[in-house]
Amino acid sequence: WNNGNNERAVKHCIIAANLGDDDSIQLLMENFKRGFVSKDDLAAALRAHQAAVDATKSPQRDIALPFLNS
């Protein structure tokens, strides 16, 4: 964002958000408020992010999570 190439930064954040990255969604929302991200782009990224998160959920992961956090 700092070098003025906002369109490229937005594209990279959208790609990361589509893969389920939570930090990218936060960046997109912050920059939507600043006017760098369109409403349509944000909505599409949110839908893709949710689909990616849902695709990675499984009962095996839920069981393994406490072991990984300890």
PDB file of N, CA and C in Angstrom:
ATOM      1  N   TRP A   1       0.816  -1.191   0.000  1.00  0.00           N
ATOM      2  CA  TRP A   1       0.000   0.000   0.000  1.00  0.00           C
ATOM      3  C   TRP A   1       0.863   1.260   0.000  1.00  0.00           C
ATOM      4  N   ASN A   2       2.055   1.157   0.531  1.00  0.00           N
ATOM      5  CA  ASN A   2       2.869   2.343   0.747  1.00  0.00           C
ATOM      6  C   ASN A   2       3.509   2.886  -0.527  1.00  0.00           C
ATOM      7  N   ASN A   3       3.698   2.046  -1.541  1.00  0.00           N
ATOM      8  CA  ASN A   3       4.385   2.534  -2.726  1.00  0.00           C
ATOM      9  C   ASN A   3       3.432   3.104  -3.778  1.00  0.00           C
ATOM     10  N   GLY A   4       2.144   3.166  -3.475  1.00  0.00           N
ATOM     11  CA  GLY A   4       1.191   3.776  -4.393  1.00  0.00           C
ATOM     12  C   GLY A   4       0.600   2.824  -5.413  1.00  0.00           C
ATOM     13  N   ASN A   5       0.981   1.571  -5.397  1.00  0.00           N
ATOM     14  CA  ASN A   5       0.444   0.607  -6.340  1.00  0.00           C
ATOM     15  C   ASN A   5      -0.708  -0.148  -5.674  1.00  0.00           C
ATOM     16  N   ASN A   6      -1.788   0.580  -5.417  1.00  0.00           N
ATOM     17  CA  ASN A   6      -2.905   0.038  -4.647  1.00  0.00           C
ATOM     18  C   ASN A   6      -3.635  -1.079  -5.370  1.00  0.00           C
ATOM     19  N   GLU A   7      -3.796  -0.965  -6.676  1.00  0.00           N
ATOM     20  CA  GLU A   7      -4.510  -1.996  -7.421  1.00  0.00           C
ATOM     21  C   GLU A   7      -3.810  -3.348  -7.309  1.00  0.00           C
ATOM     22  N   ARG A   8      -2.510  -3.331  -7.398  1.00  0.00           N
ATOM     23  CA  ARG A   8      -1.748  -4.579  -7.293  1.00  0.00           C
ATOM     24  C   ARG A   8      -1.842  -5.154  -5.885  1.00  0.00           C
ATOM     25  N   ALA A   9      -1.777  -4.304  -4.889  1.00  0.00           N
ATOM     26  CA  ALA A   9      -1.899  -4.760  -3.503  1.00  0.00           C
ATOM     27  C   ALA A   9      -3.274  -5.371  -3.255  1.00  0.00           C
ATOM     28  N   VAL A  10      -4.302  -4.750  -3.808  1.00  0.00           N
ATOM     29  CA  VAL A  10      -5.660  -5.280  -3.659  1.00  0.00           C
ATOM     30  C   VAL A  10      -5.765  -6.653  -4.305  1.00  0.00           C
ATOM     31  N   LYS A  11      -5.213  -6.809  -5.485  1.00  0.00           N
ATOM     32  CA  LYS A  11      -5.269  -8.107  -6.168  1.00  0.00           C
ATOM     33  C   LYS A  11      -4.591  -9.192  -5.343  1.00  0.00           C
ATOM     34  N   HIS A  12      -3.442  -8.874  -4.757  1.00  0.00           N
ATOM     35  CA  HIS A  12      -2.736  -9.858  -3.945  1.00  0.00           C
ATOM     36  C   HIS A  12      -3.522 -10.215  -2.681  1.00  0.00           C
ATOM     37  N   CYS A  13      -4.146  -9.235  -2.073  1.00  0.00           N
ATOM     38  CA  CYS A  13      -4.960  -9.504  -0.883  1.00  0.00           C
ATOM     39  C   CYS A  13      -6.179 -10.345  -1.238  1.00  0.00           C
ATOM     40  N   ILE A  14      -6.774 -10.083  -2.384  1.00  0.00           N
ATOM     41  CA  ILE A  14      -7.926 -10.872  -2.820  1.00  0.00           C
ATOM     42  C   ILE A  14      -7.512 -12.325  -3.048  1.00  0.00           C
ATOM     43  N   ILE A  15      -6.369 -12.532  -3.667  1.00  0.00           N
ATOM     44  CA  ILE A  15      -5.881 -13.898  -3.889  1.00  0.00           C
ATOM     45  C   ILE A  15      -5.674 -14.611  -2.552  1.00  0.00           C
ATOM     46  N   ALA A  16      -5.036 -13.939  -1.611  1.00  0.00           N
ATOM     47  CA  ALA A  16      -4.787 -14.549  -0.303  1.00  0.00           C
ATOM     48  C   ALA A  16      -6.096 -14.804   0.441  1.00  0.00           C
ATOM     49  N   ALA A  17      -7.029 -13.878   0.343  1.00  0.00           N
ATOM     50  CA  ALA A  17      -8.329 -14.052   0.995  1.00  0.00           C
ATOM     51  C   ALA A  17      -9.077 -15.232   0.391  1.00  0.00           C
ATOM     52  N   ASN A  18      -8.973 -15.407  -0.916  1.00  0.00           N
ATOM     53  CA  ASN A  18      -9.633 -16.528  -1.587  1.00  0.00           C
ATOM     54  C   ASN A  18      -9.074 -17.865  -1.119  1.00  0.00           C
ATOM     55  N   LEU A  19      -7.866 -17.849  -0.589  1.00  0.00           N
ATOM     56  CA  LEU A  19      -7.250 -19.070  -0.074  1.00  0.00           C
ATOM     57  C   LEU A  19      -7.508 -19.260   1.420  1.00  0.00           C
ATOM     58  N   GLY A  20      -8.269 -18.334   2.019  1.00  0.00           N
ATOM     59  CA  GLY A  20      -8.657 -18.479   3.416  1.00  0.00           C
ATOM     60  C   GLY A  20      -7.846 -17.689   4.417  1.00  0.00           C
ATOM     61  N   ASP A  21      -7.035 -16.741   3.973  1.00  0.00           N
ATOM     62  CA  ASP A  21      -6.192 -15.966   4.881  1.00  0.00           C
ATOM     63  C   ASP A  21      -7.016 -14.878   5.582  1.00  0.00           C
ATOM     64  N   ASP A  22      -7.102 -14.944   6.906  1.00  0.00           N
ATOM     65  CA  ASP A  22      -7.905 -13.996   7.679  1.00  0.00           C
ATOM     66  C   ASP A  22      -7.325 -12.587   7.675  1.00  0.00           C
ATOM     67  N   ASP A  23      -6.001 -12.487   7.713  1.00  0.00           N
ATOM     68  CA  ASP A  23      -5.373 -11.160   7.722  1.00  0.00           C
ATOM     69  C   ASP A  23      -5.673 -10.388   6.441  1.00  0.00           C
ATOM     70  N   SER A  24      -5.744 -11.092   5.334  1.00  0.00           N
ATOM     71  CA  SER A  24      -6.037 -10.434   4.056  1.00  0.00           C
ATOM     72  C   SER A  24      -7.456  -9.877   4.040  1.00  0.00           C
ATOM     73  N   ILE A  25      -8.381 -10.605   4.640  1.00  0.00           N
ATOM     74  CA  ILE A  25      -9.756 -10.103   4.725  1.00  0.00           C
ATOM     75  C   ILE A  25      -9.786  -8.818   5.544  1.00  0.00           C
ATOM     76  N   GLN A  26      -9.054  -8.801   6.644  1.00  0.00           N
ATOM     77  CA  GLN A  26      -9.003  -7.592   7.472  1.00  0.00           C
ATOM     78  C   GLN A  26      -8.419  -6.413   6.695  1.00  0.00           C
ATOM     79  N   LEU A  27      -7.350  -6.666   5.944  1.00  0.00           N
ATOM     80  CA  LEU A  27      -6.754  -5.607   5.121  1.00  0.00           C
ATOM     81  C   LEU A  27      -7.731  -5.102   4.066  1.00  0.00           C
ATOM     82  N   LEU A  28      -8.443  -6.026   3.443  1.00  0.00           N
ATOM     83  CA  LEU A  28      -9.411  -5.623   2.428  1.00  0.00           C
ATOM     84  C   LEU A  28     -10.522  -4.773   3.043  1.00  0.00           C
ATOM     85  N   MET A  29     -10.987  -5.155   4.223  1.00  0.00           N
ATOM     86  CA  MET A  29     -12.049  -4.375   4.865  1.00  0.00           C
ATOM     87  C   MET A  29     -11.566  -2.977   5.251  1.00  0.00           C
ATOM     88  N   GLU A  30     -10.357  -2.900   5.771  1.00  0.00           N
ATOM     89  CA  GLU A  30      -9.804  -1.595   6.128  1.00  0.00           C
ATOM     90  C   GLU A  30      -9.666  -0.709   4.893  1.00  0.00           C
ATOM     91  N   ASN A  31      -9.201  -1.298   3.812  1.00  0.00           N
ATOM     92  CA  ASN A  31      -8.990  -0.510   2.607  1.00  0.00           C
ATOM     93  C   ASN A  31     -10.276  -0.264   1.825  1.00  0.00           C
ATOM     94  N   PHE A  32     -11.302  -1.041   2.082  1.00  0.00           N
ATOM     95  CA  PHE A  32     -12.629  -0.725   1.550  1.00  0.00           C
ATOM     96  C   PHE A  32     -13.115   0.586   2.159  1.00  0.00           C
ATOM     97  N   LYS A  33     -12.890   0.730   3.468  1.00  0.00           N
ATOM     98  CA  LYS A  33     -13.287   1.957   4.157  1.00  0.00           C
ATOM     99  C   LYS A  33     -12.530   3.176   3.623  1.00  0.00           C
ATOM    100  N   ARG A  34     -11.301   2.945   3.148  1.00  0.00           N
ATOM    101  CA  ARG A  34     -10.489   4.032   2.598  1.00  0.00           C
ATOM    102  C   ARG A  34     -10.790   4.305   1.127  1.00  0.00           C
ATOM    103  N   GLY A  35     -11.544   3.414   0.502  1.00  0.00           N
ATOM    104  CA  GLY A  35     -11.917   3.618  -0.884  1.00  0.00           C
ATOM    105  C   GLY A  35     -11.023   2.939  -1.907  1.00  0.00           C
ATOM    106  N   PHE A  36     -10.115   2.071  -1.464  1.00  0.00           N
ATOM    107  CA  PHE A  36      -9.212   1.388  -2.387  1.00  0.00           C
ATOM    108  C   PHE A  36      -9.806   0.098  -2.939  1.00  0.00           C
ATOM    109  N   VAL A  37     -10.810  -0.458  -2.249  1.00  0.00           N
ATOM    110  CA  VAL A  37     -11.422  -1.725  -2.645  1.00  0.00           C
ATOM    111  C   VAL A  37     -12.890  -1.475  -2.942  1.00  0.00           C
ATOM    112  N   SER A  38     -13.374  -1.995  -4.059  1.00  0.00           N
ATOM    113  CA  SER A  38     -14.784  -1.807  -4.405  1.00  0.00           C
ATOM    114  C   SER A  38     -15.654  -2.741  -3.573  1.00  0.00           C
ATOM    115  N   LYS A  39     -16.920  -2.391  -3.487  1.00  0.00           N
ATOM    116  CA  LYS A  39     -17.872  -3.200  -2.735  1.00  0.00           C
ATOM    117  C   LYS A  39     -18.014  -4.587  -3.354  1.00  0.00           C
ATOM    118  N   ASP A  40     -18.034  -4.650  -4.673  1.00  0.00           N
ATOM    119  CA  ASP A  40     -18.153  -5.935  -5.366  1.00  0.00           C
ATOM    120  C   ASP A  40     -16.930  -6.817  -5.119  1.00  0.00           C
ATOM    121  N   ASP A  41     -15.737  -6.229  -5.165  1.00  0.00           N
ATOM    122  CA  ASP A  41     -14.516  -7.000  -4.908  1.00  0.00           C
ATOM    123  C   ASP A  41     -14.492  -7.535  -3.482  1.00  0.00           C
ATOM    124  N   LEU A  42     -14.904  -6.712  -2.533  1.00  0.00           N
ATOM    125  CA  LEU A  42     -14.928  -7.138  -1.140  1.00  0.00           C
ATOM    126  C   LEU A  42     -15.938  -8.258  -0.944  1.00  0.00           C
ATOM    127  N   ALA A  43     -17.109  -8.124  -1.524  1.00  0.00           N
ATOM    128  CA  ALA A  43     -18.139  -9.155  -1.383  1.00  0.00           C
ATOM    129  C   ALA A  43     -17.681 -10.478  -1.986  1.00  0.00           C
ATOM    130  N   ALA A  44     -17.067 -10.425  -3.152  1.00  0.00           N
ATOM    131  CA  ALA A  44     -16.576 -11.644  -3.796  1.00  0.00           C
ATOM    132  C   ALA A  44     -15.480 -12.291  -2.960  1.00  0.00           C
ATOM    133  N   ALA A  45     -14.587 -11.477  -2.401  1.00  0.00           N
ATOM    134  CA  ALA A  45     -13.504 -12.000  -1.571  1.00  0.00           C
ATOM    135  C   ALA A  45     -14.057 -12.637  -0.300  1.00  0.00           C
ATOM    136  N   LEU A  46     -15.072 -12.022   0.296  1.00  0.00           N
ATOM    137  CA  LEU A  46     -15.674 -12.587   1.504  1.00  0.00           C
ATOM    138  C   LEU A  46     -16.331 -13.935   1.219  1.00  0.00           C
ATOM    139  N   ARG A  47     -17.036 -14.033   0.091  1.00  0.00           N
ATOM    140  CA  ARG A  47     -17.665 -15.310  -0.272  1.00  0.00           C
ATOM    141  C   ARG A  47     -16.616 -16.391  -0.523  1.00  0.00           C
ATOM    142  N   ALA A  48     -15.568 -16.047  -1.253  1.00  0.00           N
ATOM    143  CA  ALA A  48     -14.515 -17.017  -1.559  1.00  0.00           C
ATOM    144  C   ALA A  48     -13.761 -17.417  -0.292  1.00  0.00           C
ATOM    145  N   HIS A  49     -13.528 -16.456   0.592  1.00  0.00           N
ATOM    146  CA  HIS A  49     -12.844 -16.741   1.855  1.00  0.00           C
ATOM    147  C   HIS A  49     -13.668 -17.726   2.679  1.00  0.00           C
ATOM    148  N   GLN A  50     -14.968 -17.483   2.785  1.00  0.00           N
ATOM    149  CA  GLN A  50     -15.822 -18.376   3.560  1.00  0.00           C
ATOM    150  C   GLN A  50     -15.852 -19.774   2.954  1.00  0.00           C
ATOM    151  N   ALA A  51     -15.873 -19.857   1.639  1.00  0.00           N
ATOM    152  CA  ALA A  51     -15.853 -21.160   0.969  1.00  0.00           C
ATOM    153  C   ALA A  51     -14.544 -21.894   1.261  1.00  0.00           C
ATOM    154  N   ALA A  52     -13.431 -21.175   1.263  1.00  0.00           N
ATOM    155  CA  ALA A  52     -12.133 -21.796   1.549  1.00  0.00           C
ATOM    156  C   ALA A  52     -12.064 -22.274   2.992  1.00  0.00           C
ATOM    157  N   VAL A  53     -12.577 -21.476   3.908  1.00  0.00           N
ATOM    158  CA  VAL A  53     -12.573 -21.862   5.322  1.00  0.00           C
ATOM    159  C   VAL A  53     -13.471 -23.081   5.526  1.00  0.00           C
ATOM    160  N   ASP A  54     -14.631 -23.072   4.909  1.00  0.00           N
ATOM    161  CA  ASP A  54     -15.546 -24.211   5.033  1.00  0.00           C
ATOM    162  C   ASP A  54     -14.946 -25.480   4.445  1.00  0.00           C
ATOM    163  N   ALA A  55     -14.193 -25.342   3.376  1.00  0.00           N
ATOM    164  CA  ALA A  55     -13.590 -26.505   2.720  1.00  0.00           C
ATOM    165  C   ALA A  55     -12.504 -27.147   3.577  1.00  0.00           C
ATOM    166  N   THR A  56     -11.908 -26.383   4.478  1.00  0.00           N
ATOM    167  CA  THR A  56     -10.829 -26.935   5.301  1.00  0.00           C
ATOM    168  C   THR A  56     -11.333 -27.481   6.636  1.00  0.00           C
ATOM    169  N   LYS A  57     -12.623 -27.349   6.916  1.00  0.00           N
ATOM    170  CA  LYS A  57     -13.167 -27.868   8.171  1.00  0.00           C
ATOM    171  C   LYS A  57     -13.429 -29.359   8.036  1.00  0.00           C
ATOM    172  N   SER A  58     -13.087 -30.087   9.090  1.00  0.00           N
ATOM    173  CA  SER A  58     -13.374 -31.514   9.132  1.00  0.00           C
ATOM    174  C   SER A  58     -13.361 -31.965  10.584  1.00  0.00           C
ATOM    175  N   PRO A  59     -14.029 -33.068  10.878  1.00  0.00           N
ATOM    176  CA  PRO A  59     -14.010 -33.573  12.257  1.00  0.00           C
ATOM    177  C   PRO A  59     -12.598 -33.947  12.719  1.00  0.00           C
ATOM    178  N   GLN A  60     -11.781 -34.441  11.791  1.00  0.00           N
ATOM    179  CA  GLN A  60     -10.416 -34.800  12.160  1.00  0.00           C
ATOM    180  C   GLN A  60      -9.614 -33.573  12.583  1.00  0.00           C
ATOM    181  N   ARG A  61      -9.805 -32.458  11.892  1.00  0.00           N
ATOM    182  CA  ARG A  61      -9.097 -31.228  12.267  1.00  0.00           C
ATOM    183  C   ARG A  61      -9.560 -30.728  13.628  1.00  0.00           C
ATOM    184  N   ASP A  62     -10.862 -30.832  13.885  1.00  0.00           N
ATOM    185  CA  ASP A  62     -11.389 -30.389  15.172  1.00  0.00           C
ATOM    186  C   ASP A  62     -10.801 -31.207  16.322  1.00  0.00           C
ATOM    187  N   ILE A  63     -10.604 -32.496  16.093  1.00  0.00           N
ATOM    188  CA  ILE A  63     -10.019 -33.360  17.124  1.00  0.00           C
ATOM    189  C   ILE A  63      -8.537 -33.047  17.296  1.00  0.00           C
ATOM    190  N   ALA A  64      -7.832 -32.777  16.206  1.00  0.00           N
ATOM    191  CA  ALA A  64      -6.391 -32.535  16.267  1.00  0.00           C
ATOM    192  C   ALA A  64      -6.028 -31.167  16.813  1.00  0.00           C
ATOM    193  N   LEU A  65      -6.911 -30.193  16.696  1.00  0.00           N
ATOM    194  CA  LEU A  65      -6.600 -28.822  17.104  1.00  0.00           C
ATOM    195  C   LEU A  65      -6.134 -28.694  18.554  1.00  0.00           C
ATOM    196  N   PRO A  66      -6.804 -29.313  19.530  1.00  0.00           N
ATOM    197  CA  PRO A  66      -6.302 -29.193  20.913  1.00  0.00           C
ATOM    198  C   PRO A  66      -4.893 -29.749  21.090  1.00  0.00           C
ATOM    199  N   PHE A  67      -4.548 -30.800  20.347  1.00  0.00           N
ATOM    200  CA  PHE A  67      -3.207 -31.372  20.449  1.00  0.00           C
ATOM    201  C   PHE A  67      -2.160 -30.447  19.863  1.00  0.00           C
ATOM    202  N   LEU A  68      -2.521 -29.742  18.807  1.00  0.00           N
ATOM    203  CA  LEU A  68      -1.576 -28.821  18.181  1.00  0.00           C
ATOM    204  C   LEU A  68      -1.349 -27.588  19.027  1.00  0.00           C
ATOM    205  N   ASN A  69      -2.377 -27.158  19.745  1.00  0.00           N
ATOM    206  CA  ASN A  69      -2.266 -25.950  20.559  1.00  0.00           C
ATOM    207  C   ASN A  69      -1.572 -26.190  21.896  1.00  0.00           C
ATOM    208  N   SER A  70      -1.400 -27.449  22.294  1.00  0.00           N
ATOM    209  CA  SER A  70      -0.764 -27.725  23.595  1.00  0.00           C
ATOM    210  C   SER A  70       0.730 -27.909  23.472  1.00  0.00           C
TER     211      SER A  70
END
